[in-house]
Amino acid sequence: MASVEECRAALAKLVDQFDEIGEEDRAKHVVERTVSCRVSDLDLIFYGRLRPEGLDPFSEEPPSNGKSADVKLTIVSDDLIALVDGELDLARALLGGRVRIDASFGDLLRLRRLL
């Protein structure tokens, strides 16, 4: 099991990786969405915001508006790190039940094009 600090570092790396996606691709496929990442084995939830300009840094503070996230990811800590490091394929992890994403069908299609 990875530590909370390792998960924070993985999510910071994900933010940096998202910044590497071209502006044109982000503009085409990204709409503003709130994102939560539940790390089930640590019983911890990180919150972020996906915008055409980029992915905001994740925080453990829930959004001030009290609304549920538009895109909810559930994963164990070791798989989060493996996913961000490119050692775990998202599609295979989804099909294998190692990752769960709760989002609208349209959001899933948009995310698929970016990941």
N, C-alpha and C. Protein backbone atom coordinates (compact mmCIF):
# COMPACT_ATOMS: atom_id res chain seq x y z
N MET A 1 0.85 -1.17 0.00
CA MET A 1 0.00 0.00 0.00
C MET A 1 0.90 1.24 0.00
N ALA A 2 0.59 2.15 -0.90
CA ALA A 2 1.34 3.40 -0.99
C ALA A 2 0.87 4.36 0.11
N SER A 3 1.71 5.31 0.42
CA SER A 3 1.38 6.30 1.46
C SER A 3 0.55 7.44 0.87
N VAL A 4 0.01 8.25 1.76
CA VAL A 4 -0.75 9.43 1.36
C VAL A 4 0.16 10.37 0.57
N GLU A 5 1.40 10.55 1.04
CA GLU A 5 2.34 11.44 0.35
C GLU A 5 2.65 10.94 -1.06
N GLU A 6 2.78 9.62 -1.23
CA GLU A 6 3.04 9.06 -2.55
C GLU A 6 1.85 9.30 -3.47
N CYS A 7 0.64 9.22 -2.94
CA CYS A 7 -0.56 9.49 -3.73
C CYS A 7 -0.63 10.97 -4.11
N ARG A 8 -0.31 11.85 -3.18
CA ARG A 8 -0.27 13.29 -3.49
C ARG A 8 0.73 13.56 -4.62
N ALA A 9 1.89 12.93 -4.54
CA ALA A 9 2.93 13.12 -5.56
C ALA A 9 2.45 12.58 -6.91
N ALA A 10 1.76 11.44 -6.91
CA ALA A 10 1.24 10.88 -8.16
C ALA A 10 0.21 11.80 -8.79
N LEU A 11 -0.67 12.38 -7.98
CA LEU A 11 -1.68 13.29 -8.51
C LEU A 11 -1.04 14.58 -9.02
N ALA A 12 0.02 15.05 -8.36
CA ALA A 12 0.74 16.23 -8.85
C ALA A 12 1.39 15.91 -10.19
N LYS A 13 1.92 14.71 -10.33
CA LYS A 13 2.50 14.28 -11.60
C LYS A 13 1.44 14.21 -12.68
N LEU A 14 0.24 13.75 -12.33
CA LEU A 14 -0.87 13.69 -13.29
C LEU A 14 -1.22 15.09 -13.79
N VAL A 15 -1.24 16.06 -12.90
CA VAL A 15 -1.50 17.45 -13.28
C VAL A 15 -0.44 17.91 -14.29
N ASP A 16 0.82 17.60 -14.02
CA ASP A 16 1.91 17.97 -14.94
C ASP A 16 1.75 17.28 -16.28
N GLN A 17 1.38 16.00 -16.27
CA GLN A 17 1.19 15.25 -17.51
C GLN A 17 0.04 15.84 -18.33
N PHE A 18 -0.99 16.26 -17.66
CA PHE A 18 -2.14 16.85 -18.36
C PHE A 18 -1.73 18.15 -19.05
N ASP A 19 -0.82 18.89 -18.42
CA ASP A 19 -0.33 20.14 -19.02
C ASP A 19 0.43 19.88 -20.32
N GLU A 20 0.94 18.67 -20.49
CA GLU A 20 1.68 18.32 -21.71
C GLU A 20 0.77 18.06 -22.91
N ILE A 21 -0.53 17.87 -22.65
CA ILE A 21 -1.48 17.69 -23.74
C ILE A 21 -1.62 19.02 -24.46
N GLY A 22 -1.60 18.99 -25.77
CA GLY A 22 -1.67 20.22 -26.55
C GLY A 22 -2.93 21.03 -26.29
N GLU A 23 -2.77 22.34 -26.36
CA GLU A 23 -3.90 23.24 -26.12
C GLU A 23 -5.07 22.94 -27.04
N GLU A 24 -4.77 22.64 -28.30
CA GLU A 24 -5.82 22.37 -29.27
C GLU A 24 -6.62 21.12 -28.89
N ASP A 25 -5.94 20.07 -28.45
CA ASP A 25 -6.63 18.85 -28.03
C ASP A 25 -7.47 19.10 -26.78
N ARG A 26 -6.91 19.84 -25.84
CA ARG A 26 -7.68 20.15 -24.62
C ARG A 26 -8.91 20.97 -24.97
N ALA A 27 -8.76 21.93 -25.84
CA ALA A 27 -9.90 22.78 -26.23
C ALA A 27 -11.00 21.96 -26.90
N LYS A 28 -10.60 20.94 -27.65
CA LYS A 28 -11.57 20.10 -28.36
C LYS A 28 -12.31 19.14 -27.44
N HIS A 29 -11.60 18.60 -26.45
CA HIS A 29 -12.14 17.48 -25.70
C HIS A 29 -12.45 17.75 -24.23
N VAL A 30 -12.09 18.91 -23.73
CA VAL A 30 -12.25 19.17 -22.30
C VAL A 30 -13.34 20.22 -22.07
N VAL A 31 -14.25 19.86 -21.19
CA VAL A 31 -15.21 20.83 -20.67
C VAL A 31 -14.97 20.89 -19.16
N GLU A 32 -15.35 21.97 -18.56
CA GLU A 32 -15.07 22.12 -17.13
C GLU A 32 -15.86 21.09 -16.32
N ARG A 33 -15.13 20.34 -15.50
CA ARG A 33 -15.72 19.31 -14.66
C ARG A 33 -14.99 19.26 -13.32
N THR A 34 -15.73 18.96 -12.27
CA THR A 34 -15.11 18.67 -10.99
C THR A 34 -14.75 17.19 -10.98
N VAL A 35 -13.65 16.88 -10.33
CA VAL A 35 -13.12 15.52 -10.32
C VAL A 35 -12.83 15.12 -8.88
N SER A 36 -13.17 13.87 -8.54
CA SER A 36 -12.74 13.33 -7.26
C SER A 36 -12.01 12.03 -7.51
N CYS A 37 -11.00 11.79 -6.70
CA CYS A 37 -10.23 10.56 -6.78
C CYS A 37 -10.25 9.93 -5.39
N ARG A 38 -11.05 8.87 -5.26
CA ARG A 38 -11.14 8.17 -3.98
C ARG A 38 -10.10 7.07 -3.95
N VAL A 39 -9.19 7.15 -3.00
CA VAL A 39 -8.17 6.13 -2.82
C VAL A 39 -8.71 5.21 -1.73
N SER A 40 -9.30 4.10 -2.18
CA SER A 40 -10.11 3.28 -1.28
C SER A 40 -9.33 2.64 -0.14
N ASP A 41 -8.11 2.20 -0.36
CA ASP A 41 -7.38 1.55 0.72
C ASP A 41 -6.87 2.53 1.77
N LEU A 42 -6.82 3.79 1.44
CA LEU A 42 -6.43 4.82 2.41
C LEU A 42 -7.63 5.58 2.96
N ASP A 43 -8.82 5.27 2.44
CA ASP A 43 -10.06 5.94 2.83
C ASP A 43 -9.89 7.46 2.75
N LEU A 44 -9.45 7.90 1.58
CA LEU A 44 -9.12 9.30 1.36
C LEU A 44 -9.65 9.73 0.00
N ILE A 45 -10.13 10.96 -0.09
CA ILE A 45 -10.62 11.49 -1.36
C ILE A 45 -9.88 12.78 -1.67
N PHE A 46 -9.38 12.86 -2.90
CA PHE A 46 -8.75 14.06 -3.42
C PHE A 46 -9.71 14.71 -4.40
N TYR A 47 -9.71 16.04 -4.44
CA TYR A 47 -10.62 16.78 -5.31
C TYR A 47 -9.82 17.69 -6.24
N GLY A 48 -10.32 17.81 -7.46
CA GLY A 48 -9.68 18.68 -8.42
C GLY A 48 -10.69 19.23 -9.41
N ARG A 49 -10.21 20.02 -10.34
CA ARG A 49 -11.08 20.60 -11.37
C ARG A 49 -10.37 20.48 -12.70
N LEU A 50 -11.10 19.94 -13.66
CA LEU A 50 -10.63 19.80 -15.03
C LEU A 50 -11.20 20.95 -15.84
N ARG A 51 -10.31 21.69 -16.51
CA ARG A 51 -10.73 22.84 -17.30
C ARG A 51 -9.99 22.81 -18.63
N PRO A 52 -10.51 23.47 -19.66
CA PRO A 52 -9.78 23.51 -20.94
C PRO A 52 -8.36 24.07 -20.79
N GLU A 53 -8.14 24.90 -19.79
CA GLU A 53 -6.82 25.48 -19.56
C GLU A 53 -5.88 24.50 -18.88
N GLY A 54 -6.41 23.45 -18.26
CA GLY A 54 -5.58 22.47 -17.58
C GLY A 54 -6.30 21.80 -16.44
N LEU A 55 -5.56 20.99 -15.72
CA LEU A 55 -6.08 20.28 -14.56
C LEU A 55 -5.55 20.98 -13.32
N ASP A 56 -6.44 21.48 -12.50
CA ASP A 56 -6.03 22.15 -11.27
C ASP A 56 -5.42 21.15 -10.30
N PRO A 57 -4.51 21.59 -9.45
CA PRO A 57 -3.93 20.67 -8.45
C PRO A 57 -5.02 20.07 -7.56
N PHE A 58 -4.79 18.83 -7.16
CA PHE A 58 -5.74 18.13 -6.30
C PHE A 58 -5.54 18.54 -4.86
N SER A 59 -6.64 18.51 -4.11
CA SER A 59 -6.64 18.89 -2.71
C SER A 59 -7.50 17.90 -1.94
N GLU A 60 -7.28 17.79 -0.67
CA GLU A 60 -8.13 16.93 0.17
C GLU A 60 -9.35 17.67 0.68
N GLU A 61 -9.44 18.96 0.36
CA GLU A 61 -10.59 19.77 0.76
C GLU A 61 -11.70 19.63 -0.27
N PRO A 62 -12.90 19.24 0.15
CA PRO A 62 -14.00 19.14 -0.80
C PRO A 62 -14.39 20.52 -1.34
N PRO A 63 -15.01 20.55 -2.52
CA PRO A 63 -15.44 21.84 -3.08
C PRO A 63 -16.35 22.58 -2.11
N SER A 64 -16.23 23.88 -2.11
CA SER A 64 -17.00 24.70 -1.17
C SER A 64 -18.49 24.71 -1.49
N ASN A 65 -18.85 24.37 -2.75
CA ASN A 65 -20.27 24.39 -3.11
C ASN A 65 -21.03 23.17 -2.59
N GLY A 66 -20.31 22.17 -2.06
CA GLY A 66 -20.95 21.00 -1.47
C GLY A 66 -21.51 20.01 -2.48
N LYS A 67 -21.35 20.28 -3.77
CA LYS A 67 -21.88 19.38 -4.79
C LYS A 67 -20.94 18.20 -5.00
N SER A 68 -21.52 17.12 -5.46
CA SER A 68 -20.76 15.92 -5.78
C SER A 68 -19.94 16.17 -7.06
N ALA A 69 -18.82 15.50 -7.19
CA ALA A 69 -17.96 15.65 -8.37
C ALA A 69 -18.65 15.12 -9.61
N ASP A 70 -18.35 15.73 -10.75
CA ASP A 70 -18.90 15.29 -12.03
C ASP A 70 -18.27 13.97 -12.49
N VAL A 71 -16.97 13.83 -12.22
CA VAL A 71 -16.22 12.63 -12.59
C VAL A 71 -15.61 12.07 -11.31
N LYS A 72 -15.97 10.81 -10.99
CA LYS A 72 -15.48 10.18 -9.76
C LYS A 72 -14.66 8.96 -10.11
N LEU A 73 -13.43 8.97 -9.64
CA LEU A 73 -12.51 7.87 -9.85
C LEU A 73 -12.30 7.17 -8.52
N THR A 74 -12.36 5.84 -8.52
CA THR A 74 -12.07 5.05 -7.33
C THR A 74 -10.97 4.07 -7.68
N ILE A 75 -9.93 4.04 -6.85
CA ILE A 75 -8.74 3.25 -7.15
C ILE A 75 -7.99 2.99 -5.85
N VAL A 76 -7.18 1.93 -5.80
CA VAL A 76 -6.32 1.71 -4.63
C VAL A 76 -5.01 2.46 -4.87
N SER A 77 -4.30 2.73 -3.80
CA SER A 77 -3.12 3.60 -3.87
C SER A 77 -2.04 3.07 -4.82
N ASP A 78 -1.72 1.79 -4.74
CA ASP A 78 -0.68 1.24 -5.61
C ASP A 78 -1.06 1.35 -7.08
N ASP A 79 -2.33 1.14 -7.40
CA ASP A 79 -2.79 1.24 -8.78
C ASP A 79 -2.78 2.70 -9.26
N LEU A 80 -3.07 3.64 -8.37
CA LEU A 80 -2.99 5.06 -8.74
C LEU A 80 -1.58 5.41 -9.19
N ILE A 81 -0.61 4.98 -8.42
CA ILE A 81 0.78 5.28 -8.75
C ILE A 81 1.18 4.58 -10.05
N ALA A 82 0.79 3.32 -10.21
CA ALA A 82 1.11 2.58 -11.43
C ALA A 82 0.45 3.21 -12.65
N LEU A 83 -0.76 3.68 -12.50
CA LEU A 83 -1.48 4.32 -13.60
C LEU A 83 -0.79 5.60 -14.04
N VAL A 84 -0.44 6.44 -13.09
CA VAL A 84 0.21 7.71 -13.41
C VAL A 84 1.61 7.47 -13.98
N ASP A 85 2.29 6.44 -13.51
CA ASP A 85 3.64 6.13 -14.00
C ASP A 85 3.62 5.39 -15.35
N GLY A 86 2.44 5.08 -15.86
CA GLY A 86 2.33 4.41 -17.15
C GLY A 86 2.53 2.90 -17.08
N GLU A 87 2.54 2.36 -15.89
CA GLU A 87 2.72 0.92 -15.71
C GLU A 87 1.40 0.16 -15.73
N LEU A 88 0.29 0.86 -15.64
CA LEU A 88 -1.04 0.26 -15.64
C LEU A 88 -1.86 0.93 -16.73
N ASP A 89 -2.39 0.13 -17.64
CA ASP A 89 -3.22 0.64 -18.72
C ASP A 89 -4.63 0.91 -18.19
N LEU A 90 -5.14 2.11 -18.43
CA LEU A 90 -6.44 2.50 -17.89
C LEU A 90 -7.56 1.60 -18.41
N ALA A 91 -7.58 1.32 -19.70
CA ALA A 91 -8.65 0.49 -20.26
C ALA A 91 -8.65 -0.90 -19.63
N ARG A 92 -7.50 -1.50 -19.51
CA ARG A 92 -7.41 -2.84 -18.89
C ARG A 92 -7.78 -2.79 -17.42
N ALA A 93 -7.37 -1.73 -16.74
CA ALA A 93 -7.71 -1.59 -15.32
C ALA A 93 -9.21 -1.43 -15.13
N LEU A 94 -9.85 -0.69 -16.03
CA LEU A 94 -11.31 -0.54 -15.97
C LEU A 94 -12.00 -1.88 -16.20
N LEU A 95 -11.58 -2.57 -17.25
CA LEU A 95 -12.19 -3.86 -17.58
C LEU A 95 -11.93 -4.90 -16.49
N GLY A 96 -10.78 -4.82 -15.84
CA GLY A 96 -10.43 -5.75 -14.78
C GLY A 96 -11.00 -5.38 -13.42
N GLY A 97 -11.69 -4.25 -13.33
CA GLY A 97 -12.29 -3.84 -12.07
C GLY A 97 -11.32 -3.21 -11.09
N ARG A 98 -10.13 -2.89 -11.54
CA ARG A 98 -9.14 -2.28 -10.64
C ARG A 98 -9.36 -0.79 -10.50
N VAL A 99 -10.03 -0.19 -11.47
CA VAL A 99 -10.35 1.23 -11.46
C VAL A 99 -11.83 1.37 -11.77
N ARG A 100 -12.45 2.28 -11.09
CA ARG A 100 -13.86 2.56 -11.36
C ARG A 100 -14.00 4.05 -11.64
N ILE A 101 -14.70 4.37 -12.72
CA ILE A 101 -14.98 5.76 -13.05
C ILE A 101 -16.48 5.94 -13.16
N ASP A 102 -17.01 6.83 -12.36
CA ASP A 102 -18.42 7.20 -12.43
C ASP A 102 -18.50 8.57 -13.09
N ALA A 103 -19.04 8.59 -14.30
CA ALA A 103 -19.17 9.84 -15.06
C ALA A 103 -20.23 9.63 -16.13
N SER A 104 -20.66 10.71 -16.72
CA SER A 104 -21.62 10.60 -17.81
C SER A 104 -20.93 9.94 -19.01
N PHE A 105 -21.73 9.40 -19.91
CA PHE A 105 -21.18 8.75 -21.10
C PHE A 105 -20.35 9.74 -21.91
N GLY A 106 -20.83 10.96 -22.06
CA GLY A 106 -20.10 11.98 -22.81
C GLY A 106 -18.76 12.30 -22.16
N ASP A 107 -18.73 12.39 -20.83
CA ASP A 107 -17.48 12.65 -20.13
C ASP A 107 -16.50 11.49 -20.32
N LEU A 108 -17.01 10.27 -20.29
CA LEU A 108 -16.14 9.11 -20.50
C LEU A 108 -15.52 9.14 -21.89
N LEU A 109 -16.30 9.49 -22.89
CA LEU A 109 -15.77 9.57 -24.26
C LEU A 109 -14.70 10.65 -24.37
N ARG A 110 -14.93 11.79 -23.76
CA ARG A 110 -13.95 12.86 -23.80
C ARG A 110 -12.66 12.46 -23.08
N LEU A 111 -12.79 11.84 -21.91
CA LEU A 111 -11.62 11.42 -21.16
C LEU A 111 -10.81 10.37 -21.91
N ARG A 112 -11.50 9.48 -22.60
CA ARG A 112 -10.83 8.42 -23.35
C ARG A 112 -9.89 9.03 -24.39
N ARG A 113 -10.29 10.11 -24.99
CA ARG A 113 -9.47 10.76 -26.02
C ARG A 113 -8.23 11.43 -25.42
N LEU A 114 -8.28 11.75 -24.12
CA LEU A 114 -7.18 12.45 -23.49
C LEU A 114 -6.21 11.52 -22.78
N LEU A 115 -6.68 10.36 -22.37
CA LEU A 115 -5.83 9.47 -21.56
C LEU A 115 -5.17 8.39 -22.35
